[in-house]
Amino acid sequence: MVIAPFDRKLARAWMPYAVAILLTFVTLELHRRLTGMTGAVESVQLIFVVPIILTAYLGGLLPGAFATLLCALTADYFVLAPVHQFGIASSTQTAEWLLLLIVGAVLSVLTEALHRSRARADHGERLQGELARIVATAPGVIYSFLLRPDGSSCFPYASPGLRNLFG
């Protein structure tokens, strides 16, 4: 089956959400196995922050926020007492659960900033390449003239066309 370009774009947009679901339930299973081997695992925040980090890195703010909410609800329902109910019995676990939400939110915002700065850098590189191509093919000379406050001047930039004119 061939996937149409629109479908690929849609699949790429939804992929971080699918990763969030998969990693959350893999983490839940890992937690269950660790609990079976070592007894009670006290800290929920540490193990459930991994799906948040990976999802936020893949998708940015919204997928990271989705993973945060999914991990928090999964930990509440399946891990924290009372198990298989929403609600947390211990004030310590409540504080830890809230910390998981805060850490997830901060990670999501930071990775979104990373995604945006990468996009700006990529855009800047594309513009710089286009400008270099235009300058290389422009007839004549493109230059920059700088007049300093002391009255001296210079040409910080002159296009390669300058060599064609003056050798």
Foldseek 3Di string as FASTA:
>chain_A
DDDDPVRVVVCLQCVLLVLLVVQLVVLVVVLVVCCVVPNADDQLLVSLCVSLLVSLLSHAQPSSLSSLVVNLQCCQADPAPVHNDHDHDDPVVVVSSVVSNVVSNVSRHVSNVVVVVVVVVVVVVVVVVVVLVCLQPDADKDWDKDQDPVGDIDIPDIGPNVVVVVD
